[in-house]
Amino acid sequence: MKKSANDCQEIDTETVKENIRQFMKNEALTVADLKELLGFDSTQAIYKWRSGRGIPSIDSLFKMSSVFDIPMEDFIKKDGIKPKQGEKQSQKEELR
């Protein structure tokens, strides 16, 4: 039996907000760092995502997942981005 649109869950802005915040914390990234890595002209969209006033577009999710080698769905699912545990070099350190 096929699911209807009413059976599908909506993307929760609070979940996306927390995942982006956790991801940035794991990578020791500032908003300005993420703007640069994603090739954005301004930080406005990133501040909206971090405050829960908006969610990234599919294009932005794709960029983040490609740049950081993380599945796109990790940014939108509950507990998608776990606190960092390990010695992996952060993207900010690689910028230096």
PDB file of N, CA and C in Angstrom:
ATOM      1  N   MET A   1       0.837  -1.183   0.000  1.00  0.00           N
ATOM      2  CA  MET A   1       0.000   0.000   0.000  1.00  0.00           C
ATOM      3  C   MET A   1       0.885   1.250   0.000  1.00  0.00           C
ATOM      4  N   LYS A   2       0.588   2.183  -0.860  1.00  0.00           N
ATOM      5  CA  LYS A   2       1.365   3.414  -0.955  1.00  0.00           C
ATOM      6  C   LYS A   2       1.016   4.362   0.182  1.00  0.00           C
ATOM      7  N   LYS A   3       2.020   5.128   0.592  1.00  0.00           N
ATOM      8  CA  LYS A   3       1.798   6.146   1.614  1.00  0.00           C
ATOM      9  C   LYS A   3       1.275   7.410   0.958  1.00  0.00           C
ATOM     10  N   SER A   4       0.448   8.111   1.686  1.00  0.00           N
ATOM     11  CA  SER A   4      -0.015   9.411   1.199  1.00  0.00           C
ATOM     12  C   SER A   4       0.890  10.499   1.779  1.00  0.00           C
ATOM     13  N   ALA A   5       0.754  11.694   1.270  1.00  0.00           N
ATOM     14  CA  ALA A   5       1.541  12.816   1.777  1.00  0.00           C
ATOM     15  C   ALA A   5       1.267  13.048   3.261  1.00  0.00           C
ATOM     16  N   ASN A   6       0.070  12.712   3.712  1.00  0.00           N
ATOM     17  CA  ASN A   6      -0.282  12.891   5.125  1.00  0.00           C
ATOM     18  C   ASN A   6       0.459  11.917   6.031  1.00  0.00           C
ATOM     19  N   ASP A   7       0.947  10.801   5.467  1.00  0.00           N
ATOM     20  CA  ASP A   7       1.665   9.804   6.251  1.00  0.00           C
ATOM     21  C   ASP A   7       3.141  10.147   6.429  1.00  0.00           C
ATOM     22  N   CYS A   8       3.651  11.073   5.642  1.00  0.00           N
ATOM     23  CA  CYS A   8       5.066  11.431   5.679  1.00  0.00           C
ATOM     24  C   CYS A   8       5.323  12.477   6.756  1.00  0.00           C
ATOM     25  N   GLN A   9       6.494  12.392   7.358  1.00  0.00           N
ATOM     26  CA  GLN A   9       6.858  13.370   8.373  1.00  0.00           C
ATOM     27  C   GLN A   9       7.422  14.618   7.720  1.00  0.00           C
ATOM     28  N   GLU A  10       7.182  15.748   8.338  1.00  0.00           N
ATOM     29  CA  GLU A  10       7.754  17.003   7.877  1.00  0.00           C
ATOM     30  C   GLU A  10       9.134  17.168   8.494  1.00  0.00           C
ATOM     31  N   ILE A  11       9.954  17.961   7.838  1.00  0.00           N
ATOM     32  CA  ILE A  11      11.276  18.256   8.382  1.00  0.00           C
ATOM     33  C   ILE A  11      11.101  19.211   9.556  1.00  0.00           C
ATOM     34  N   ASP A  12      11.661  18.850  10.681  1.00  0.00           N
ATOM     35  CA  ASP A  12      11.555  19.639  11.906  1.00  0.00           C
ATOM     36  C   ASP A  12      12.695  20.652  11.965  1.00  0.00           C
ATOM     37  N   THR A  13      12.362  21.939  11.961  1.00  0.00           N
ATOM     38  CA  THR A  13      13.398  22.971  11.973  1.00  0.00           C
ATOM     39  C   THR A  13      14.255  22.912  13.236  1.00  0.00           C
ATOM     40  N   GLU A  14      13.666  22.501  14.344  1.00  0.00           N
ATOM     41  CA  GLU A  14      14.428  22.388  15.596  1.00  0.00           C
ATOM     42  C   GLU A  14      15.503  21.309  15.472  1.00  0.00           C
ATOM     43  N   THR A  15      15.156  20.191  14.854  1.00  0.00           N
ATOM     44  CA  THR A  15      16.116  19.105  14.639  1.00  0.00           C
ATOM     45  C   THR A  15      17.242  19.559  13.725  1.00  0.00           C
ATOM     46  N   VAL A  16      16.888  20.217  12.629  1.00  0.00           N
ATOM     47  CA  VAL A  16      17.899  20.709  11.685  1.00  0.00           C
ATOM     48  C   VAL A  16      18.813  21.710  12.383  1.00  0.00           C
ATOM     49  N   LYS A  17      18.218  22.607  13.157  1.00  0.00           N
ATOM     50  CA  LYS A  17      18.992  23.608  13.900  1.00  0.00           C
ATOM     51  C   LYS A  17      20.013  22.938  14.812  1.00  0.00           C
ATOM     52  N   GLU A  18      19.561  21.975  15.596  1.00  0.00           N
ATOM     53  CA  GLU A  18      20.459  21.294  16.532  1.00  0.00           C
ATOM     54  C   GLU A  18      21.547  20.508  15.806  1.00  0.00           C
ATOM     55  N   ASN A  19      21.201  19.858  14.704  1.00  0.00           N
ATOM     56  CA  ASN A  19      22.197  19.094  13.952  1.00  0.00           C
ATOM     57  C   ASN A  19      23.257  20.006  13.341  1.00  0.00           C
ATOM     58  N   ILE A  20      22.844  21.136  12.803  1.00  0.00           N
ATOM     59  CA  ILE A  20      23.820  22.068  12.223  1.00  0.00           C
ATOM     60  C   ILE A  20      24.711  22.646  13.314  1.00  0.00           C
ATOM     61  N   ARG A  21      24.114  23.004  14.446  1.00  0.00           N
ATOM     62  CA  ARG A  21      24.914  23.522  15.568  1.00  0.00           C
ATOM     63  C   ARG A  21      25.925  22.477  16.051  1.00  0.00           C
ATOM     64  N   GLN A  22      25.476  21.224  16.193  1.00  0.00           N
ATOM     65  CA  GLN A  22      26.374  20.164  16.652  1.00  0.00           C
ATOM     66  C   GLN A  22      27.481  19.915  15.631  1.00  0.00           C
ATOM     67  N   PHE A  23      27.115  19.905  14.366  1.00  0.00           N
ATOM     68  CA  PHE A  23      28.094  19.699  13.316  1.00  0.00           C
ATOM     69  C   PHE A  23      29.166  20.790  13.352  1.00  0.00           C
ATOM     70  N   MET A  24      28.734  22.041  13.451  1.00  0.00           N
ATOM     71  CA  MET A  24      29.686  23.151  13.493  1.00  0.00           C
ATOM     72  C   MET A  24      30.571  23.060  14.733  1.00  0.00           C
ATOM     73  N   LYS A  25      29.999  22.645  15.850  1.00  0.00           N
ATOM     74  CA  LYS A  25      30.785  22.471  17.071  1.00  0.00           C
ATOM     75  C   LYS A  25      31.816  21.364  16.883  1.00  0.00           C
ATOM     76  N   ASN A  26      31.401  20.243  16.303  1.00  0.00           N
ATOM     77  CA  ASN A  26      32.322  19.128  16.059  1.00  0.00           C
ATOM     78  C   ASN A  26      33.514  19.553  15.210  1.00  0.00           C
ATOM     79  N   GLU A  27      33.250  20.390  14.227  1.00  0.00           N
ATOM     80  CA  GLU A  27      34.291  20.808  13.285  1.00  0.00           C
ATOM     81  C   GLU A  27      34.971  22.111  13.700  1.00  0.00           C
ATOM     82  N   ALA A  28      34.572  22.666  14.851  1.00  0.00           N
ATOM     83  CA  ALA A  28      35.118  23.932  15.352  1.00  0.00           C
ATOM     84  C   ALA A  28      34.992  25.037  14.305  1.00  0.00           C
ATOM     85  N   LEU A  29      33.808  25.121  13.691  1.00  0.00           N
ATOM     86  CA  LEU A  29      33.552  26.099  12.638  1.00  0.00           C
ATOM     87  C   LEU A  29      32.730  27.271  13.147  1.00  0.00           C
ATOM     88  N   THR A  30      33.095  28.449  12.719  1.00  0.00           N
ATOM     89  CA  THR A  30      32.265  29.623  12.952  1.00  0.00           C
ATOM     90  C   THR A  30      31.301  29.748  11.775  1.00  0.00           C
ATOM     91  N   VAL A  31      30.346  30.654  11.907  1.00  0.00           N
ATOM     92  CA  VAL A  31      29.424  30.916  10.801  1.00  0.00           C
ATOM     93  C   VAL A  31      30.215  31.408   9.585  1.00  0.00           C
ATOM     94  N   ALA A  32      31.202  32.263   9.824  1.00  0.00           N
ATOM     95  CA  ALA A  32      32.031  32.776   8.723  1.00  0.00           C
ATOM     96  C   ALA A  32      32.812  31.646   8.043  1.00  0.00           C
ATOM     97  N   ASP A  33      33.303  30.691   8.836  1.00  0.00           N
ATOM     98  CA  ASP A  33      34.016  29.542   8.256  1.00  0.00           C
ATOM     99  C   ASP A  33      33.098  28.738   7.346  1.00  0.00           C
ATOM    100  N   LEU A  34      31.885  28.454   7.831  1.00  0.00           N
ATOM    101  CA  LEU A  34      30.944  27.655   7.048  1.00  0.00           C
ATOM    102  C   LEU A  34      30.537  28.399   5.777  1.00  0.00           C
ATOM    103  N   LYS A  35      30.340  29.700   5.889  1.00  0.00           N
ATOM    104  CA  LYS A  35      30.016  30.522   4.709  1.00  0.00           C
ATOM    105  C   LYS A  35      31.096  30.368   3.645  1.00  0.00           C
ATOM    106  N   GLU A  36      32.346  30.448   4.069  1.00  0.00           N
ATOM    107  CA  GLU A  36      33.469  30.335   3.137  1.00  0.00           C
ATOM    108  C   GLU A  36      33.535  28.943   2.509  1.00  0.00           C
ATOM    109  N   LEU A  37      33.390  27.921   3.327  1.00  0.00           N
ATOM    110  CA  LEU A  37      33.468  26.546   2.825  1.00  0.00           C
ATOM    111  C   LEU A  37      32.351  26.220   1.844  1.00  0.00           C
ATOM    112  N   LEU A  38      31.170  26.808   2.056  1.00  0.00           N
ATOM    113  CA  LEU A  38      30.038  26.547   1.169  1.00  0.00           C
ATOM    114  C   LEU A  38      30.010  27.481  -0.040  1.00  0.00           C
ATOM    115  N   GLY A  39      30.874  28.491  -0.032  1.00  0.00           N
ATOM    116  CA  GLY A  39      30.922  29.423  -1.152  1.00  0.00           C
ATOM    117  C   GLY A  39      29.772  30.410  -1.172  1.00  0.00           C
ATOM    118  N   PHE A  40      29.225  30.725   0.002  1.00  0.00           N
ATOM    119  CA  PHE A  40      28.123  31.680   0.103  1.00  0.00           C
ATOM    120  C   PHE A  40      28.660  33.107   0.096  1.00  0.00           C
ATOM    121  N   ASP A  41      27.816  34.042  -0.331  1.00  0.00           N
ATOM    122  CA  ASP A  41      28.179  35.458  -0.332  1.00  0.00           C
ATOM    123  C   ASP A  41      27.957  36.111   1.029  1.00  0.00           C
ATOM    124  N   SER A  42      27.007  35.582   1.807  1.00  0.00           N
ATOM    125  CA  SER A  42      26.726  36.156   3.124  1.00  0.00           C
ATOM    126  C   SER A  42      26.443  35.035   4.119  1.00  0.00           C
ATOM    127  N   THR A  43      26.343  35.436   5.383  1.00  0.00           N
ATOM    128  CA  THR A  43      26.089  34.478   6.463  1.00  0.00           C
ATOM    129  C   THR A  43      24.610  34.379   6.820  1.00  0.00           C
ATOM    130  N   GLN A  44      23.767  35.159   6.170  1.00  0.00           N
ATOM    131  CA  GLN A  44      22.355  35.265   6.542  1.00  0.00           C
ATOM    132  C   GLN A  44      21.655  33.906   6.603  1.00  0.00           C
ATOM    133  N   ALA A  45      21.805  33.084   5.577  1.00  0.00           N
ATOM    134  CA  ALA A  45      21.130  31.782   5.550  1.00  0.00           C
ATOM    135  C   ALA A  45      21.598  30.898   6.697  1.00  0.00           C
ATOM    136  N   ILE A  46      22.887  30.907   6.971  1.00  0.00           N
ATOM    137  CA  ILE A  46      23.433  30.059   8.041  1.00  0.00           C
ATOM    138  C   ILE A  46      22.879  30.491   9.393  1.00  0.00           C
ATOM    139  N   TYR A  47      22.786  31.793   9.630  1.00  0.00           N
ATOM    140  CA  TYR A  47      22.186  32.273  10.881  1.00  0.00           C
ATOM    141  C   TYR A  47      20.720  31.850  10.989  1.00  0.00           C
ATOM    142  N   LYS A  48      19.996  31.859   9.883  1.00  0.00           N
ATOM    143  CA  LYS A  48      18.598  31.405   9.903  1.00  0.00           C
ATOM    144  C   LYS A  48      18.517  29.932  10.281  1.00  0.00           C
ATOM    145  N   TRP A  49      19.391  29.109   9.699  1.00  0.00           N
ATOM    146  CA  TRP A  49      19.378  27.674  10.017  1.00  0.00           C
ATOM    147  C   TRP A  49      19.695  27.456  11.490  1.00  0.00           C
ATOM    148  N   ARG A  50      20.710  28.172  12.001  1.00  0.00           N
ATOM    149  CA  ARG A  50      21.145  28.000  13.392  1.00  0.00           C
ATOM    150  C   ARG A  50      20.112  28.489  14.399  1.00  0.00           C
ATOM    151  N   SER A  51      19.242  29.390  13.969  1.00  0.00           N
ATOM    152  CA  SER A  51      18.223  29.907  14.884  1.00  0.00           C
ATOM    153  C   SER A  51      16.898  29.160  14.753  1.00  0.00           C
ATOM    154  N   GLY A  52      16.798  28.274  13.766  1.00  0.00           N
ATOM    155  CA  GLY A  52      15.560  27.533  13.562  1.00  0.00           C
ATOM    156  C   GLY A  52      14.511  28.313  12.788  1.00  0.00           C
ATOM    157  N   ARG A  53      14.897  29.437  12.186  1.00  0.00           N
ATOM    158  CA  ARG A  53      13.960  30.244  11.403  1.00  0.00           C
ATOM    159  C   ARG A  53      13.899  29.809   9.943  1.00  0.00           C
ATOM    160  N   GLY A  54      14.645  28.794   9.605  1.00  0.00           N
ATOM    161  CA  GLY A  54      14.642  28.286   8.236  1.00  0.00           C
ATOM    162  C   GLY A  54      15.434  26.995   8.165  1.00  0.00           C
ATOM    163  N   ILE A  55      15.307  26.316   7.050  1.00  0.00           N
ATOM    164  CA  ILE A  55      16.071  25.088   6.836  1.00  0.00           C
ATOM    165  C   ILE A  55      16.843  25.221   5.527  1.00  0.00           C
ATOM    166  N   PRO A  56      17.968  24.528   5.430  1.00  0.00           N
ATOM    167  CA  PRO A  56      18.752  24.604   4.194  1.00  0.00           C
ATOM    168  C   PRO A  56      17.968  24.049   3.007  1.00  0.00           C
ATOM    169  N   SER A  57      18.218  24.620   1.845  1.00  0.00           N
ATOM    170  CA  SER A  57      17.639  24.085   0.613  1.00  0.00           C
ATOM    171  C   SER A  57      18.302  22.739   0.314  1.00  0.00           C
ATOM    172  N   ILE A  58      17.724  22.008  -0.600  1.00  0.00           N
ATOM    173  CA  ILE A  58      18.331  20.743  -1.018  1.00  0.00           C
ATOM    174  C   ILE A  58      19.746  20.998  -1.529  1.00  0.00           C
ATOM    175  N   ASP A  59      19.928  22.075  -2.292  1.00  0.00           N
ATOM    176  CA  ASP A  59      21.257  22.413  -2.808  1.00  0.00           C
ATOM    177  C   ASP A  59      22.253  22.650  -1.675  1.00  0.00           C
ATOM    178  N   SER A  60      21.826  23.372  -0.644  1.00  0.00           N
ATOM    179  CA  SER A  60      22.713  23.653   0.489  1.00  0.00           C
ATOM    180  C   SER A  60      23.019  22.387   1.279  1.00  0.00           C
ATOM    181  N   LEU A  61      22.012  21.540   1.482  1.00  0.00           N
ATOM    182  CA  LEU A  61      22.255  20.262   2.155  1.00  0.00           C
ATOM    183  C   LEU A  61      23.234  19.415   1.353  1.00  0.00           C
ATOM    184  N   PHE A  62      23.073  19.414   0.040  1.00  0.00           N
ATOM    185  CA  PHE A  62      23.971  18.651  -0.822  1.00  0.00           C
ATOM    186  C   PHE A  62      25.402  19.181  -0.714  1.00  0.00           C
ATOM    187  N   LYS A  63      25.562  20.508  -0.712  1.00  0.00           N
ATOM    188  CA  LYS A  63      26.897  21.100  -0.570  1.00  0.00           C
ATOM    189  C   LYS A  63      27.530  20.699   0.753  1.00  0.00           C
ATOM    190  N   MET A  64      26.752  20.824   1.846  1.00  0.00           N
ATOM    191  CA  MET A  64      27.302  20.472   3.158  1.00  0.00           C
ATOM    192  C   MET A  64      27.677  19.001   3.218  1.00  0.00           C
ATOM    193  N   SER A  65      26.824  18.153   2.688  1.00  0.00           N
ATOM    194  CA  SER A  65      27.114  16.721   2.740  1.00  0.00           C
ATOM    195  C   SER A  65      28.320  16.377   1.879  1.00  0.00           C
ATOM    196  N   SER A  66      28.479  17.051   0.757  1.00  0.00           N
ATOM    197  CA  SER A  66      29.623  16.798  -0.123  1.00  0.00           C
ATOM    198  C   SER A  66      30.922  17.321   0.482  1.00  0.00           C
ATOM    199  N   VAL A  67      30.889  18.555   0.963  1.00  0.00           N
ATOM    200  CA  VAL A  67      32.092  19.172   1.524  1.00  0.00           C
ATOM    201  C   VAL A  67      32.589  18.404   2.747  1.00  0.00           C
ATOM    202  N   PHE A  68      31.671  17.927   3.569  1.00  0.00           N
ATOM    203  CA  PHE A  68      32.062  17.309   4.824  1.00  0.00           C
ATOM    204  C   PHE A  68      31.905  15.795   4.854  1.00  0.00           C
ATOM    205  N   ASP A  69      31.514  15.210   3.721  1.00  0.00           N
ATOM    206  CA  ASP A  69      31.386  13.757   3.603  1.00  0.00           C
ATOM    207  C   ASP A  69      30.460  13.179   4.679  1.00  0.00           C
ATOM    208  N   ILE A  70      29.283  13.791   4.787  1.00  0.00           N
ATOM    209  CA  ILE A  70      28.243  13.359   5.724  1.00  0.00           C
ATOM    210  C   ILE A  70      26.969  13.159   4.911  1.00  0.00           C
ATOM    211  N   PRO A  71      26.232  12.081   5.137  1.00  0.00           N
ATOM    212  CA  PRO A  71      24.977  11.898   4.397  1.00  0.00           C
ATOM    213  C   PRO A  71      24.013  13.067   4.640  1.00  0.00           C
ATOM    214  N   MET A  72      23.322  13.492   3.589  1.00  0.00           N
ATOM    215  CA  MET A  72      22.376  14.617   3.707  1.00  0.00           C
ATOM    216  C   MET A  72      21.352  14.383   4.802  1.00  0.00           C
ATOM    217  N   GLU A  73      20.869  13.160   4.897  1.00  0.00           N
ATOM    218  CA  GLU A  73      19.810  12.887   5.868  1.00  0.00           C
ATOM    219  C   GLU A  73      20.264  13.093   7.309  1.00  0.00           C
ATOM    220  N   ASP A  74      21.581  13.046   7.563  1.00  0.00           N
ATOM    221  CA  ASP A  74      22.067  13.280   8.921  1.00  0.00           C
ATOM    222  C   ASP A  74      21.752  14.693   9.405  1.00  0.00           C
ATOM    223  N   PHE A  75      21.612  15.632   8.494  1.00  0.00           N
ATOM    224  CA  PHE A  75      21.296  17.002   8.885  1.00  0.00           C
ATOM    225  C   PHE A  75      19.822  17.174   9.242  1.00  0.00           C
ATOM    226  N   ILE A  76      18.959  16.258   8.789  1.00  0.00           N
ATOM    227  CA  ILE A  76      17.519  16.453   9.004  1.00  0.00           C
ATOM    228  C   ILE A  76      16.876  15.434   9.934  1.00  0.00           C
ATOM    229  N   LYS A  77      17.598  14.369  10.299  1.00  0.00           N
ATOM    230  CA  LYS A  77      16.983  13.372  11.177  1.00  0.00           C
ATOM    231  C   LYS A  77      17.386  13.606  12.626  1.00  0.00           C
ATOM    232  N   LYS A  78      16.503  13.196  13.517  1.00  0.00           N
ATOM    233  CA  LYS A  78      16.781  13.320  14.950  1.00  0.00           C
ATOM    234  C   LYS A  78      18.053  12.556  15.282  1.00  0.00           C
ATOM    235  N   ASP A  79      18.908  13.174  16.093  1.00  0.00           N
ATOM    236  CA  ASP A  79      20.189  12.579  16.474  1.00  0.00           C
ATOM    237  C   ASP A  79      21.048  12.245  15.257  1.00  0.00           C
ATOM    238  N   GLY A  80      20.942  13.074  14.226  1.00  0.00           N
ATOM    239  CA  GLY A  80      21.694  12.822  13.000  1.00  0.00           C
ATOM    240  C   GLY A  80      23.172  13.125  13.117  1.00  0.00           C
ATOM    241  N   ILE A  81      23.540  14.159  13.848  1.00  0.00           N
ATOM    242  CA  ILE A  81      24.940  14.531  14.012  1.00  0.00           C
ATOM    243  C   ILE A  81      25.298  14.305  15.476  1.00  0.00           C
ATOM    244  N   LYS A  82      26.167  13.359  15.697  1.00  0.00           N
ATOM    245  CA  LYS A  82      26.583  13.022  17.058  1.00  0.00           C
ATOM    246  C   LYS A  82      27.762  13.899  17.475  1.00  0.00           C
ATOM    247  N   PRO A  83      27.942  14.106  18.781  1.00  0.00           N
ATOM    248  CA  PRO A  83      29.139  14.817  19.232  1.00  0.00           C
ATOM    249  C   PRO A  83      30.390  14.096  18.737  1.00  0.00           C
ATOM    250  N   LYS A  84      31.387  14.868  18.395  1.00  0.00           N
ATOM    251  CA  LYS A  84      32.613  14.322  17.817  1.00  0.00           C
ATOM    252  C   LYS A  84      33.383  13.518  18.853  1.00  0.00           C
ATOM    253  N   GLN A  85      33.812  12.332  18.440  1.00  0.00           N
ATOM    254  CA  GLN A  85      34.639  11.479  19.293  1.00  0.00           C
ATOM    255  C   GLN A  85      35.739  10.905  18.416  1.00  0.00           C
ATOM    256  N   GLY A  86      36.907  11.425  18.522  1.00  0.00           N
ATOM    257  CA  GLY A  86      37.985  10.899  17.693  1.00  0.00           C
ATOM    258  C   GLY A  86      39.005  11.958  17.377  1.00  0.00           C
ATOM    259  N   GLU A  87      39.940  11.550  16.580  1.00  0.00           N
ATOM    260  CA  GLU A  87      41.068  12.404  16.276  1.00  0.00           C
ATOM    261  C   GLU A  87      41.011  13.005  14.881  1.00  0.00           C
ATOM    262  N   LYS A  88      39.869  12.897  14.188  1.00  0.00           N
ATOM    263  CA  LYS A  88      39.759  13.438  12.839  1.00  0.00           C
ATOM    264  C   LYS A  88      40.018  14.940  12.852  1.00  0.00           C
ATOM    265  N   GLN A  89      40.834  15.402  11.907  1.00  0.00           N
ATOM    266  CA  GLN A  89      41.153  16.819  11.810  1.00  0.00           C
ATOM    267  C   GLN A  89      39.918  17.597  11.374  1.00  0.00           C
ATOM    268  N   SER A  90      39.661  18.697  12.030  1.00  0.00           N
ATOM    269  CA  SER A  90      38.487  19.494  11.683  1.00  0.00           C
ATOM    270  C   SER A  90      38.713  20.246  10.382  1.00  0.00           C
ATOM    271  N   GLN A  91      37.613  20.629   9.730  1.00  0.00           N
ATOM    272  CA  GLN A  91      37.692  21.398   8.493  1.00  0.00           C
ATOM    273  C   GLN A  91      38.374  22.741   8.738  1.00  0.00           C
ATOM    274  N   LYS A  92      38.171  23.332   9.898  1.00  0.00           N
ATOM    275  CA  LYS A  92      38.791  24.621  10.196  1.00  0.00           C
ATOM    276  C   LYS A  92      40.306  24.471  10.241  1.00  0.00           C
ATOM    277  N   GLU A  93      40.793  23.389  10.837  1.00  0.00           N
ATOM    278  CA  GLU A  93      42.230  23.158  10.886  1.00  0.00           C
ATOM    279  C   GLU A  93      42.796  22.945   9.491  1.00  0.00           C
ATOM    280  N   GLU A  94      42.015  22.313   8.611  1.00  0.00           N
ATOM    281  CA  GLU A  94      42.474  22.079   7.251  1.00  0.00           C
ATOM    282  C   GLU A  94      42.533  23.364   6.449  1.00  0.00           C
ATOM    283  N   LEU A  95      41.756  24.379   6.833  1.00  0.00           N
ATOM    284  CA  LEU A  95      41.776  25.666   6.140  1.00  0.00           C
ATOM    285  C   LEU A  95      43.086  26.411   6.370  1.00  0.00           C
ATOM    286  N   ARG A  96      43.719  26.134   7.484  1.00  0.00           N
ATOM    287  CA  ARG A  96      44.943  26.870   7.860  1.00  0.00           C
ATOM    288  C   ARG A  96      46.126  26.456   7.044  1.00  0.00           C
TER     289      ARG A  96
END
